[in-house]
Amino acid sequence: MARVKSGKVTHARHRKVVKNAKGYHGRRKNTFKVAKQAVDRARQYATRDRKQRKRNFRALWIQRINAAVRSCDESMTYSQFMNGLKQANIVIDRKILAEIAHDDPAVFAEIVARARTALP
């Protein structure tokens, strides 16, 4: 039986990992064993951080809405504002509210006023 050499396959696999480690420092960028560990860890972080990005943006939107609400009406909090929106049947998500607060403060002030009147 003929001898099977796996040099091409192994070299291609190693080259793929080292290519993914491009830009890393030290031996992590060119030594297969260390690069494989670094690339695996980087992929774990990437998977985790795709979920965290969504949380971080939601937190950012909430902070921006809270700041805009307090600038329009000092006595109103974010939670009171969201409750007022729900009472007034205004369905706008936090991302759009944050964009409106940043881009068009006059329209946002009108939304705050409607939320204020809807509260008991």
PDB file of N, CA and C in Angstrom:
ATOM      1  N   MET A   1       0.838  -1.184   0.000  1.00  0.00           N
ATOM      2  CA  MET A   1       0.000   0.000   0.000  1.00  0.00           C
ATOM      3  C   MET A   1       0.880   1.242   0.000  1.00  0.00           C
ATOM      4  N   ALA A   2       0.466   2.267  -0.711  1.00  0.00           N
ATOM      5  CA  ALA A   2       1.248   3.489  -0.840  1.00  0.00           C
ATOM      6  C   ALA A   2       1.179   4.311   0.440  1.00  0.00           C
ATOM      7  N   ARG A   3       2.246   5.027   0.689  1.00  0.00           N
ATOM      8  CA  ARG A   3       2.320   5.884   1.860  1.00  0.00           C
ATOM      9  C   ARG A   3       1.546   7.168   1.589  1.00  0.00           C
ATOM     10  N   VAL A   4       0.738   7.600   2.552  1.00  0.00           N
ATOM     11  CA  VAL A   4      -0.052   8.815   2.407  1.00  0.00           C
ATOM     12  C   VAL A   4       0.625   9.923   3.191  1.00  0.00           C
ATOM     13  N   LYS A   5       0.951  10.982   2.514  1.00  0.00           N
ATOM     14  CA  LYS A   5       1.566  12.133   3.165  1.00  0.00           C
ATOM     15  C   LYS A   5       0.508  13.227   3.295  1.00  0.00           C
ATOM     16  N   SER A   6       0.455  13.843   4.456  1.00  0.00           N
ATOM     17  CA  SER A   6      -0.577  14.858   4.700  1.00  0.00           C
ATOM     18  C   SER A   6       0.018  16.258   4.749  1.00  0.00           C
ATOM     19  N   GLY A   7       1.142  16.453   4.124  1.00  0.00           N
ATOM     20  CA  GLY A   7       1.825  17.742   4.200  1.00  0.00           C
ATOM     21  C   GLY A   7       1.004  18.885   3.643  1.00  0.00           C
ATOM     22  N   LYS A   8       0.366  18.679   2.520  1.00  0.00           N
ATOM     23  CA  LYS A   8      -0.411  19.768   1.915  1.00  0.00           C
ATOM     24  C   LYS A   8      -1.593  20.168   2.788  1.00  0.00           C
ATOM     25  N   VAL A   9      -2.300  19.182   3.294  1.00  0.00           N
ATOM     26  CA  VAL A   9      -3.480  19.461   4.113  1.00  0.00           C
ATOM     27  C   VAL A   9      -3.082  20.152   5.413  1.00  0.00           C
ATOM     28  N   THR A  10      -2.046  19.629   6.061  1.00  0.00           N
ATOM     29  CA  THR A  10      -1.598  20.218   7.323  1.00  0.00           C
ATOM     30  C   THR A  10      -1.084  21.635   7.103  1.00  0.00           C
ATOM     31  N   HIS A  11      -0.319  21.824   6.050  1.00  0.00           N
ATOM     32  CA  HIS A  11       0.214  23.154   5.766  1.00  0.00           C
ATOM     33  C   HIS A  11      -0.923  24.144   5.484  1.00  0.00           C
ATOM     34  N   ALA A  12      -1.927  23.711   4.766  1.00  0.00           N
ATOM     35  CA  ALA A  12      -3.058  24.589   4.469  1.00  0.00           C
ATOM     36  C   ALA A  12      -3.814  24.947   5.754  1.00  0.00           C
ATOM     37  N   ARG A  13      -3.985  23.974   6.635  1.00  0.00           N
ATOM     38  CA  ARG A  13      -4.688  24.225   7.898  1.00  0.00           C
ATOM     39  C   ARG A  13      -3.883  25.188   8.766  1.00  0.00           C
ATOM     40  N   HIS A  14      -2.585  24.978   8.846  1.00  0.00           N
ATOM     41  CA  HIS A  14      -1.728  25.870   9.628  1.00  0.00           C
ATOM     42  C   HIS A  14      -1.746  27.284   9.032  1.00  0.00           C
ATOM     43  N   ARG A  15      -1.665  27.355   7.699  1.00  0.00           N
ATOM     44  CA  ARG A  15      -1.642  28.658   7.048  1.00  0.00           C
ATOM     45  C   ARG A  15      -2.939  29.426   7.316  1.00  0.00           C
ATOM     46  N   LYS A  16      -4.058  28.697   7.353  1.00  0.00           N
ATOM     47  CA  LYS A  16      -5.356  29.335   7.613  1.00  0.00           C
ATOM     48  C   LYS A  16      -5.394  29.942   9.013  1.00  0.00           C
ATOM     49  N   VAL A  17      -4.871  29.215  10.000  1.00  0.00           N
ATOM     50  CA  VAL A  17      -4.865  29.714  11.373  1.00  0.00           C
ATOM     51  C   VAL A  17      -3.925  30.906  11.500  1.00  0.00           C
ATOM     52  N   VAL A  18      -2.736  30.798  10.919  1.00  0.00           N
ATOM     53  CA  VAL A  18      -1.765  31.887  11.013  1.00  0.00           C
ATOM     54  C   VAL A  18      -2.290  33.131  10.286  1.00  0.00           C
ATOM     55  N   LYS A  19      -3.017  32.933   9.211  1.00  0.00           N
ATOM     56  CA  LYS A  19      -3.622  34.066   8.503  1.00  0.00           C
ATOM     57  C   LYS A  19      -4.648  34.769   9.389  1.00  0.00           C
ATOM     58  N   ASN A  20      -5.415  34.007  10.157  1.00  0.00           N
ATOM     59  CA  ASN A  20      -6.391  34.613  11.064  1.00  0.00           C
ATOM     60  C   ASN A  20      -5.718  35.341  12.220  1.00  0.00           C
ATOM     61  N   ALA A  21      -4.472  34.982  12.527  1.00  0.00           N
ATOM     62  CA  ALA A  21      -3.733  35.618  13.623  1.00  0.00           C
ATOM     63  C   ALA A  21      -2.950  36.842  13.147  1.00  0.00           C
ATOM     64  N   LYS A  22      -3.177  37.276  11.936  1.00  0.00           N
ATOM     65  CA  LYS A  22      -2.463  38.430  11.401  1.00  0.00           C
ATOM     66  C   LYS A  22      -2.756  39.662  12.253  1.00  0.00           C
ATOM     67  N   GLY A  23      -1.700  40.383  12.597  1.00  0.00           N
ATOM     68  CA  GLY A  23      -1.860  41.575  13.414  1.00  0.00           C
ATOM     69  C   GLY A  23      -1.599  41.344  14.880  1.00  0.00           C
ATOM     70  N   TYR A  24      -1.465  40.108  15.304  1.00  0.00           N
ATOM     71  CA  TYR A  24      -1.167  39.807  16.700  1.00  0.00           C
ATOM     72  C   TYR A  24       0.311  40.073  16.963  1.00  0.00           C
ATOM     73  N   HIS A  25       0.705  40.177  18.239  1.00  0.00           N
ATOM     74  CA  HIS A  25       2.082  40.490  18.623  1.00  0.00           C
ATOM     75  C   HIS A  25       2.847  39.220  18.962  1.00  0.00           C
ATOM     76  N   GLY A  26       4.157  39.280  18.773  1.00  0.00           N
ATOM     77  CA  GLY A  26       5.037  38.199  19.191  1.00  0.00           C
ATOM     78  C   GLY A  26       4.805  36.908  18.419  1.00  0.00           C
ATOM     79  N   ARG A  27       4.968  35.779  19.120  1.00  0.00           N
ATOM     80  CA  ARG A  27       4.824  34.475  18.477  1.00  0.00           C
ATOM     81  C   ARG A  27       3.378  34.157  18.133  1.00  0.00           C
ATOM     82  N   ARG A  28       2.465  34.929  18.653  1.00  0.00           N
ATOM     83  CA  ARG A  28       1.049  34.653  18.386  1.00  0.00           C
ATOM     84  C   ARG A  28       0.713  34.810  16.908  1.00  0.00           C
ATOM     85  N   LYS A  29       1.519  35.555  16.181  1.00  0.00           N
ATOM     86  CA  LYS A  29       1.194  35.810  14.780  1.00  0.00           C
ATOM     87  C   LYS A  29       1.808  34.810  13.811  1.00  0.00           C
ATOM     88  N   ASN A  30       2.853  34.048  14.241  1.00  0.00           N
ATOM     89  CA  ASN A  30       3.520  33.212  13.259  1.00  0.00           C
ATOM     90  C   ASN A  30       3.814  31.788  13.723  1.00  0.00           C
ATOM     91  N   THR A  31       3.608  31.471  14.984  1.00  0.00           N
ATOM     92  CA  THR A  31       3.815  30.110  15.468  1.00  0.00           C
ATOM     93  C   THR A  31       2.458  29.437  15.575  1.00  0.00           C
ATOM     94  N   PHE A  32       2.295  28.310  14.896  1.00  0.00           N
ATOM     95  CA  PHE A  32       0.982  27.699  14.777  1.00  0.00           C
ATOM     96  C   PHE A  32       0.346  27.405  16.127  1.00  0.00           C
ATOM     97  N   LYS A  33       1.095  26.769  17.028  1.00  0.00           N
ATOM     98  CA  LYS A  33       0.517  26.331  18.301  1.00  0.00           C
ATOM     99  C   LYS A  33      -0.008  27.525  19.106  1.00  0.00           C
ATOM    100  N   VAL A  34       0.789  28.578  19.191  1.00  0.00           N
ATOM    101  CA  VAL A  34       0.385  29.759  19.958  1.00  0.00           C
ATOM    102  C   VAL A  34      -0.705  30.532  19.210  1.00  0.00           C
ATOM    103  N   ALA A  35      -0.581  30.597  17.880  1.00  0.00           N
ATOM    104  CA  ALA A  35      -1.582  31.307  17.085  1.00  0.00           C
ATOM    105  C   ALA A  35      -2.938  30.634  17.181  1.00  0.00           C
ATOM    106  N   LYS A  36      -2.957  29.317  17.204  1.00  0.00           N
ATOM    107  CA  LYS A  36      -4.230  28.584  17.313  1.00  0.00           C
ATOM    108  C   LYS A  36      -4.931  28.921  18.624  1.00  0.00           C
ATOM    109  N   GLN A  37      -4.171  28.965  19.718  1.00  0.00           N
ATOM    110  CA  GLN A  37      -4.759  29.324  21.010  1.00  0.00           C
ATOM    111  C   GLN A  37      -5.308  30.751  20.978  1.00  0.00           C
ATOM    112  N   ALA A  38      -4.539  31.654  20.386  1.00  0.00           N
ATOM    113  CA  ALA A  38      -4.960  33.054  20.340  1.00  0.00           C
ATOM    114  C   ALA A  38      -6.201  33.232  19.475  1.00  0.00           C
ATOM    115  N   VAL A  39      -6.238  32.538  18.343  1.00  0.00           N
ATOM    116  CA  VAL A  39      -7.389  32.655  17.435  1.00  0.00           C
ATOM    117  C   VAL A  39      -8.635  32.049  18.075  1.00  0.00           C
ATOM    118  N   ASP A  40      -8.480  30.907  18.753  1.00  0.00           N
ATOM    119  CA  ASP A  40      -9.630  30.294  19.432  1.00  0.00           C
ATOM    120  C   ASP A  40     -10.191  31.221  20.502  1.00  0.00           C
ATOM    121  N   ARG A  41      -9.302  31.837  21.282  1.00  0.00           N
ATOM    122  CA  ARG A  41      -9.752  32.758  22.325  1.00  0.00           C
ATOM    123  C   ARG A  41     -10.438  33.978  21.709  1.00  0.00           C
ATOM    124  N   ALA A  42      -9.879  34.477  20.613  1.00  0.00           N
ATOM    125  CA  ALA A  42     -10.464  35.646  19.946  1.00  0.00           C
ATOM    126  C   ALA A  42     -11.864  35.320  19.438  1.00  0.00           C
ATOM    127  N   ARG A  43     -12.051  34.111  18.930  1.00  0.00           N
ATOM    128  CA  ARG A  43     -13.382  33.723  18.452  1.00  0.00           C
ATOM    129  C   ARG A  43     -14.371  33.587  19.600  1.00  0.00           C
ATOM    130  N   GLN A  44     -13.909  33.136  20.762  1.00  0.00           N
ATOM    131  CA  GLN A  44     -14.794  33.078  21.928  1.00  0.00           C
ATOM    132  C   GLN A  44     -15.230  34.478  22.331  1.00  0.00           C
ATOM    133  N   TYR A  45     -14.275  35.402  22.355  1.00  0.00           N
ATOM    134  CA  TYR A  45     -14.613  36.788  22.694  1.00  0.00           C
ATOM    135  C   TYR A  45     -15.588  37.378  21.675  1.00  0.00           C
ATOM    136  N   ALA A  46     -15.366  37.081  20.407  1.00  0.00           N
ATOM    137  CA  ALA A  46     -16.232  37.633  19.371  1.00  0.00           C
ATOM    138  C   ALA A  46     -17.668  37.132  19.532  1.00  0.00           C
ATOM    139  N   THR A  47     -17.801  35.837  19.849  1.00  0.00           N
ATOM    140  CA  THR A  47     -19.139  35.268  20.046  1.00  0.00           C
ATOM    141  C   THR A  47     -19.828  35.923  21.233  1.00  0.00           C
ATOM    142  N   ARG A  48     -19.090  36.070  22.341  1.00  0.00           N
ATOM    143  CA  ARG A  48     -19.656  36.689  23.540  1.00  0.00           C
ATOM    144  C   ARG A  48     -20.027  38.141  23.285  1.00  0.00           C
ATOM    145  N   ASP A  49     -19.144  38.866  22.593  1.00  0.00           N
ATOM    146  CA  ASP A  49     -19.337  40.306  22.441  1.00  0.00           C
ATOM    147  C   ASP A  49     -20.402  40.670  21.425  1.00  0.00           C
ATOM    148  N   ARG A  50     -20.776  39.743  20.546  1.00  0.00           N
ATOM    149  CA  ARG A  50     -21.924  40.026  19.676  1.00  0.00           C
ATOM    150  C   ARG A  50     -23.189  40.162  20.498  1.00  0.00           C
ATOM    151  N   LYS A  51     -23.306  39.404  21.577  1.00  0.00           N
ATOM    152  CA  LYS A  51     -24.452  39.561  22.478  1.00  0.00           C
ATOM    153  C   LYS A  51     -24.307  40.834  23.311  1.00  0.00           C
ATOM    154  N   GLN A  52     -23.072  41.098  23.789  1.00  0.00           N
ATOM    155  CA  GLN A  52     -22.874  42.257  24.651  1.00  0.00           C
ATOM    156  C   GLN A  52     -23.074  43.570  23.914  1.00  0.00           C
ATOM    157  N   ARG A  53     -22.791  43.584  22.603  1.00  0.00           N
ATOM    158  CA  ARG A  53     -22.972  44.817  21.832  1.00  0.00           C
ATOM    159  C   ARG A  53     -24.419  45.270  21.893  1.00  0.00           C
ATOM    160  N   LYS A  54     -25.344  44.319  21.817  1.00  0.00           N
ATOM    161  CA  LYS A  54     -26.768  44.663  21.863  1.00  0.00           C
ATOM    162  C   LYS A  54     -27.124  45.278  23.213  1.00  0.00           C
ATOM    163  N   ARG A  55     -26.581  44.711  24.294  1.00  0.00           N
ATOM    164  CA  ARG A  55     -26.841  45.251  25.633  1.00  0.00           C
ATOM    165  C   ARG A  55     -26.253  46.650  25.782  1.00  0.00           C
ATOM    166  N   ASN A  56     -25.033  46.822  25.268  1.00  0.00           N
ATOM    167  CA  ASN A  56     -24.363  48.115  25.412  1.00  0.00           C
ATOM    168  C   ASN A  56     -25.107  49.217  24.674  1.00  0.00           C
ATOM    169  N   PHE A  57     -25.599  48.912  23.473  1.00  0.00           N
ATOM    170  CA  PHE A  57     -26.334  49.933  22.732  1.00  0.00           C
ATOM    171  C   PHE A  57     -27.651  50.268  23.420  1.00  0.00           C
ATOM    172  N   ARG A  58     -28.341  49.264  23.962  1.00  0.00           N
ATOM    173  CA  ARG A  58     -29.588  49.540  24.678  1.00  0.00           C
ATOM    174  C   ARG A  58     -29.310  50.441  25.880  1.00  0.00           C
ATOM    175  N   ALA A  59     -28.239  50.166  26.618  1.00  0.00           N
ATOM    176  CA  ALA A  59     -27.878  51.003  27.766  1.00  0.00           C
ATOM    177  C   ALA A  59     -27.554  52.432  27.319  1.00  0.00           C
ATOM    178  N   LEU A  60     -26.866  52.571  26.194  1.00  0.00           N
ATOM    179  CA  LEU A  60     -26.539  53.895  25.673  1.00  0.00           C
ATOM    180  C   LEU A  60     -27.801  54.667  25.305  1.00  0.00           C
ATOM    181  N   TRP A  61     -28.731  53.984  24.630  1.00  0.00           N
ATOM    182  CA  TRP A  61     -29.981  54.650  24.259  1.00  0.00           C
ATOM    183  C   TRP A  61     -30.736  55.104  25.491  1.00  0.00           C
ATOM    184  N   ILE A  62     -30.780  54.267  26.517  1.00  0.00           N
ATOM    185  CA  ILE A  62     -31.490  54.622  27.748  1.00  0.00           C
ATOM    186  C   ILE A  62     -30.849  55.849  28.403  1.00  0.00           C
ATOM    187  N   GLN A  63     -29.523  55.894  28.434  1.00  0.00           N
ATOM    188  CA  GLN A  63     -28.834  57.046  29.020  1.00  0.00           C
ATOM    189  C   GLN A  63     -29.139  58.324  28.237  1.00  0.00           C
ATOM    190  N   ARG A  64     -29.149  58.222  26.913  1.00  0.00           N
ATOM    191  CA  ARG A  64     -29.422  59.406  26.101  1.00  0.00           C
ATOM    192  C   ARG A  64     -30.857  59.883  26.287  1.00  0.00           C
ATOM    193  N   ILE A  65     -31.803  58.938  26.344  1.00  0.00           N
ATOM    194  CA  ILE A  65     -33.212  59.306  26.548  1.00  0.00           C
ATOM    195  C   ILE A  65     -33.384  59.943  27.917  1.00  0.00           C
ATOM    196  N   ASN A  66     -32.761  59.359  28.937  1.00  0.00           N
ATOM    197  CA  ASN A  66     -32.870  59.887  30.292  1.00  0.00           C
ATOM    198  C   ASN A  66     -32.341  61.319  30.358  1.00  0.00           C
ATOM    199  N   ALA A  67     -31.189  61.574  29.734  1.00  0.00           N
ATOM    200  CA  ALA A  67     -30.624  62.929  29.741  1.00  0.00           C
ATOM    201  C   ALA A  67     -31.543  63.907  29.016  1.00  0.00           C
ATOM    202  N   ALA A  68     -32.111  63.482  27.894  1.00  0.00           N
ATOM    203  CA  ALA A  68     -32.991  64.367  27.131  1.00  0.00           C
ATOM    204  C   ALA A  68     -34.289  64.641  27.884  1.00  0.00           C
ATOM    205  N   VAL A  69     -34.831  63.624  28.553  1.00  0.00           N
ATOM    206  CA  VAL A  69     -36.073  63.813  29.321  1.00  0.00           C
ATOM    207  C   VAL A  69     -35.837  64.797  30.455  1.00  0.00           C
ATOM    208  N   ARG A  70     -34.718  64.648  31.153  1.00  0.00           N
ATOM    209  CA  ARG A  70     -34.433  65.549  32.268  1.00  0.00           C
ATOM    210  C   ARG A  70     -34.142  66.971  31.803  1.00  0.00           C
ATOM    211  N   SER A  71     -33.626  67.128  30.587  1.00  0.00           N
ATOM    212  CA  SER A  71     -33.407  68.486  30.082  1.00  0.00           C
ATOM    213  C   SER A  71     -34.721  69.143  29.673  1.00  0.00           C
ATOM    214  N   CYS A  72     -35.704  68.337  29.253  1.00  0.00           N
ATOM    215  CA  CYS A  72     -37.019  68.886  28.892  1.00  0.00           C
ATOM    216  C   CYS A  72     -37.881  69.147  30.126  1.00  0.00           C
ATOM    217  N   ASP A  73     -37.821  68.229  31.090  1.00  0.00           N
ATOM    218  CA  ASP A  73     -38.675  68.316  32.270  1.00  0.00           C
ATOM    219  C   ASP A  73     -37.873  67.795  33.460  1.00  0.00           C
ATOM    220  N   GLU A  74     -37.424  68.715  34.334  1.00  0.00           N
ATOM    221  CA  GLU A  74     -36.498  68.337  35.408  1.00  0.00           C
ATOM    222  C   GLU A  74     -37.092  67.341  36.401  1.00  0.00           C
ATOM    223  N   SER A  75     -38.412  67.371  36.571  1.00  0.00           N
ATOM    224  CA  SER A  75     -39.019  66.510  37.582  1.00  0.00           C
ATOM    225  C   SER A  75     -39.353  65.109  37.063  1.00  0.00           C
ATOM    226  N   MET A  76     -39.182  64.878  35.771  1.00  0.00           N
ATOM    227  CA  MET A  76     -39.560  63.599  35.179  1.00  0.00           C
ATOM    228  C   MET A  76     -38.331  62.697  35.038  1.00  0.00           C
ATOM    229  N   THR A  77     -38.504  61.436  35.382  1.00  0.00           N
ATOM    230  CA  THR A  77     -37.422  60.468  35.240  1.00  0.00           C
ATOM    231  C   THR A  77     -37.660  59.619  33.993  1.00  0.00           C
ATOM    232  N   TYR A  78     -36.660  58.811  33.673  1.00  0.00           N
ATOM    233  CA  TYR A  78     -36.761  57.936  32.508  1.00  0.00           C
ATOM    234  C   TYR A  78     -37.907  56.949  32.665  1.00  0.00           C
ATOM    235  N   SER A  79     -38.021  56.341  33.848  1.00  0.00           N
ATOM    236  CA  SER A  79     -39.065  55.330  34.035  1.00  0.00           C
ATOM    237  C   SER A  79     -40.458  55.955  33.982  1.00  0.00           C
ATOM    238  N   GLN A  80     -40.614  57.164  34.524  1.00  0.00           N
ATOM    239  CA  GLN A  80     -41.898  57.861  34.421  1.00  0.00           C
ATOM    240  C   GLN A  80     -42.217  58.186  32.965  1.00  0.00           C
ATOM    241  N   PHE A  81     -41.197  58.587  32.210  1.00  0.00           N
ATOM    242  CA  PHE A  81     -41.381  58.899  30.802  1.00  0.00           C
ATOM    243  C   PHE A  81     -41.837  57.677  30.023  1.00  0.00           C
ATOM    244  N   MET A  82     -41.191  56.537  30.255  1.00  0.00           N
ATOM    245  CA  MET A  82     -41.561  55.316  29.543  1.00  0.00           C
ATOM    246  C   MET A  82     -42.971  54.872  29.933  1.00  0.00           C
ATOM    247  N   ASN A  83     -43.320  55.043  31.194  1.00  0.00           N
ATOM    248  CA  ASN A  83     -44.671  54.718  31.637  1.00  0.00           C
ATOM    249  C   ASN A  83     -45.682  55.650  30.968  1.00  0.00           C
ATOM    250  N   GLY A  84     -45.342  56.931  30.863  1.00  0.00           N
ATOM    251  CA  GLY A  84     -46.223  57.884  30.186  1.00  0.00           C
ATOM    252  C   GLY A  84     -46.410  57.557  28.712  1.00  0.00           C
ATOM    253  N   LEU A  85     -45.339  57.112  28.053  1.00  0.00           N
ATOM    254  CA  LEU A  85     -45.467  56.696  26.653  1.00  0.00           C
ATOM    255  C   LEU A  85     -46.427  55.520  26.529  1.00  0.00           C
ATOM    256  N   LYS A  86     -46.303  54.573  27.450  1.00  0.00           N
ATOM    257  CA  LYS A  86     -47.177  53.401  27.400  1.00  0.00           C
ATOM    258  C   LYS A  86     -48.631  53.805  27.643  1.00  0.00           C
ATOM    259  N   GLN A  87     -48.849  54.719  28.601  1.00  0.00           N
ATOM    260  CA  GLN A  87     -50.208  55.194  28.889  1.00  0.00           C
ATOM    261  C   GLN A  87     -50.796  55.962  27.701  1.00  0.00           C
ATOM    262  N   ALA A  88     -49.948  56.685  26.976  1.00  0.00           N
ATOM    263  CA  ALA A  88     -50.414  57.489  25.843  1.00  0.00           C
ATOM    264  C   ALA A  88     -50.494  56.687  24.549  1.00  0.00           C
ATOM    265  N   ASN A  89     -50.195  55.399  24.622  1.00  0.00           N
ATOM    266  CA  ASN A  89     -50.200  54.513  23.447  1.00  0.00           C
ATOM    267  C   ASN A  89     -49.259  55.010  22.353  1.00  0.00           C
ATOM    268  N   ILE A  90     -48.101  55.500  22.762  1.00  0.00           N
ATOM    269  CA  ILE A  90     -47.056  55.898  21.817  1.00  0.00           C
ATOM    270  C   ILE A  90     -46.055  54.759  21.770  1.00  0.00           C
ATOM    271  N   VAL A  91     -45.944  54.118  20.606  1.00  0.00           N
ATOM    272  CA  VAL A  91     -45.065  52.959  20.463  1.00  0.00           C
ATOM    273  C   VAL A  91     -43.862  53.359  19.613  1.00  0.00           C
ATOM    274  N   ILE A  92     -42.790  53.764  20.299  1.00  0.00           N
ATOM    275  CA  ILE A  92     -41.521  54.092  19.638  1.00  0.00           C
ATOM    276  C   ILE A  92     -40.434  53.388  20.434  1.00  0.00           C
ATOM    277  N   ASP A  93     -39.557  52.678  19.733  1.00  0.00           N
ATOM    278  CA  ASP A  93     -38.522  51.964  20.470  1.00  0.00           C
ATOM    279  C   ASP A  93     -37.418  52.917  20.922  1.00  0.00           C
ATOM    280  N   ARG A  94     -36.552  52.419  21.812  1.00  0.00           N
ATOM    281  CA  ARG A  94     -35.554  53.259  22.453  1.00  0.00           C
ATOM    282  C   ARG A  94     -34.528  53.806  21.471  1.00  0.00           C
ATOM    283  N   LYS A  95     -34.201  53.017  20.463  1.00  0.00           N
ATOM    284  CA  LYS A  95     -33.225  53.476  19.472  1.00  0.00           C
ATOM    285  C   LYS A  95     -33.733  54.726  18.758  1.00  0.00           C
ATOM    286  N   ILE A  96     -34.976  54.681  18.318  1.00  0.00           N
ATOM    287  CA  ILE A  96     -35.553  55.818  17.588  1.00  0.00           C
ATOM    288  C   ILE A  96     -35.747  57.004  18.529  1.00  0.00           C
ATOM    289  N   LEU A  97     -36.167  56.745  19.780  1.00  0.00           N
ATOM    290  CA  LEU A  97     -36.313  57.832  20.744  1.00  0.00           C
ATOM    291  C   LEU A  97     -34.980  58.546  20.967  1.00  0.00           C
ATOM    292  N   ALA A  98     -33.893  57.766  21.087  1.00  0.00           N
ATOM    293  CA  ALA A  98     -32.576  58.370  21.289  1.00  0.00           C
ATOM    294  C   ALA A  98     -32.163  59.188  20.071  1.00  0.00           C
ATOM    295  N   GLU A  99     -32.469  58.703  18.868  1.00  0.00           N
ATOM    296  CA  GLU A  99     -32.137  59.460  17.658  1.00  0.00           C
ATOM    297  C   GLU A  99     -32.943  60.748  17.586  1.00  0.00           C
ATOM    298  N   ILE A 100     -34.236  60.683  17.922  1.00  0.00           N
ATOM    299  CA  ILE A 100     -35.074  61.888  17.910  1.00  0.00           C
ATOM    300  C   ILE A 100     -34.557  62.897  18.937  1.00  0.00           C
ATOM    301  N   ALA A 101     -34.200  62.403  20.127  1.00  0.00           N
ATOM    302  CA  ALA A 101     -33.705  63.289  21.175  1.00  0.00           C
ATOM    303  C   ALA A 101     -32.417  63.982  20.744  1.00  0.00           C
ATOM    304  N   HIS A 102     -31.587  63.278  20.004  1.00  0.00           N
ATOM    305  CA  HIS A 102     -30.315  63.854  19.556  1.00  0.00           C
ATOM    306  C   HIS A 102     -30.493  64.782  18.360  1.00  0.00           C
ATOM    307  N   ASP A 103     -31.304  64.367  17.393  1.00  0.00           N
ATOM    308  CA  ASP A 103     -31.404  65.100  16.131  1.00  0.00           C
ATOM    309  C   ASP A 103     -32.447  66.205  16.142  1.00  0.00           C
ATOM    310  N   ASP A 104     -33.566  66.010  16.861  1.00  0.00           N
ATOM    311  CA  ASP A 104     -34.668  66.978  16.809  1.00  0.00           C
ATOM    312  C   ASP A 104     -35.247  67.191  18.207  1.00  0.00           C
ATOM    313  N   PRO A 105     -34.622  68.031  19.030  1.00  0.00           N
ATOM    314  CA  PRO A 105     -35.079  68.219  20.410  1.00  0.00           C
ATOM    315  C   PRO A 105     -36.500  68.773  20.523  1.00  0.00           C
ATOM    316  N   ALA A 106     -36.957  69.538  19.541  1.00  0.00           N
ATOM    317  CA  ALA A 106     -38.305  70.112  19.616  1.00  0.00           C
ATOM    318  C   ALA A 106     -39.362  69.004  19.529  1.00  0.00           C
ATOM    319  N   VAL A 107     -39.172  68.074  18.627  1.00  0.00           N
ATOM    320  CA  VAL A 107     -40.105  66.951  18.499  1.00  0.00           C
ATOM    321  C   VAL A 107     -40.062  66.099  19.759  1.00  0.00           C
ATOM    322  N   PHE A 108     -38.852  65.894  20.299  1.00  0.00           N
ATOM    323  CA  PHE A 108     -38.735  65.098  21.517  1.00  0.00           C
ATOM    324  C   PHE A 108     -39.436  65.793  22.689  1.00  0.00           C
ATOM    325  N   ALA A 109     -39.343  67.120  22.754  1.00  0.00           N
ATOM    326  CA  ALA A 109     -40.037  67.856  23.817  1.00  0.00           C
ATOM    327  C   ALA A 109     -41.542  67.668  23.710  1.00  0.00           C
ATOM    328  N   GLU A 110     -42.065  67.594  22.487  1.00  0.00           N
ATOM    329  CA  GLU A 110     -43.496  67.344  22.291  1.00  0.00           C
ATOM    330  C   GLU A 110     -43.873  65.947  22.760  1.00  0.00           C
ATOM    331  N   ILE A 111     -43.012  64.968  22.492  1.00  0.00           N
ATOM    332  CA  ILE A 111     -43.263  63.588  22.950  1.00  0.00           C
ATOM    333  C   ILE A 111     -43.264  63.547  24.476  1.00  0.00           C
ATOM    334  N   VAL A 112     -42.327  64.254  25.111  1.00  0.00           N
ATOM    335  CA  VAL A 112     -42.267  64.320  26.576  1.00  0.00           C
ATOM    336  C   VAL A 112     -43.529  64.960  27.126  1.00  0.00           C
ATOM    337  N   ALA A 113     -44.017  66.005  26.470  1.00  0.00           N
ATOM    338  CA  ALA A 113     -45.235  66.682  26.928  1.00  0.00           C
ATOM    339  C   ALA A 113     -46.435  65.737  26.848  1.00  0.00           C
ATOM    340  N   ARG A 114     -46.528  64.978  25.764  1.00  0.00           N
ATOM    341  CA  ARG A 114     -47.647  64.026  25.661  1.00  0.00           C
ATOM    342  C   ARG A 114     -47.548  62.922  26.696  1.00  0.00           C
ATOM    343  N   ALA A 115     -46.345  62.470  26.967  1.00  0.00           N
ATOM    344  CA  ALA A 115     -46.157  61.447  28.006  1.00  0.00           C
ATOM    345  C   ALA A 115     -46.525  62.010  29.370  1.00  0.00           C
ATOM    346  N   ARG A 116     -46.195  63.289  29.609  1.00  0.00           N
ATOM    347  CA  ARG A 116     -46.516  63.928  30.897  1.00  0.00           C
ATOM    348  C   ARG A 116     -48.034  64.030  31.088  1.00  0.00           C
ATOM    349  N   THR A 117     -48.770  64.394  30.026  1.00  0.00           N
ATOM    350  CA  THR A 117     -50.225  64.541  30.164  1.00  0.00           C
ATOM    351  C   THR A 117     -50.909  63.187  30.321  1.00  0.00           C
ATOM    352  N   ALA A 118     -50.305  62.135  29.840  1.00  0.00           N
ATOM    353  CA  ALA A 118     -50.917  60.801  29.946  1.00  0.00           C
ATOM    354  C   ALA A 118     -50.774  60.199  31.334  1.00  0.00           C
ATOM    355  N   LEU A 119     -49.818  60.713  32.097  1.00  0.00           N
ATOM    356  CA  LEU A 119     -49.626  60.188  33.462  1.00  0.00           C
ATOM    357  C   LEU A 119     -50.757  60.659  34.371  1.00  0.00           C
ATOM    358  N   PRO A 120     -51.136  59.811  35.335  1.00  0.00           N
ATOM    359  CA  PRO A 120     -52.217  60.227  36.244  1.00  0.00           C
ATOM    360  C   PRO A 120     -51.775  61.307  37.219  1.00  0.00           C
TER     361      PRO A 120
END
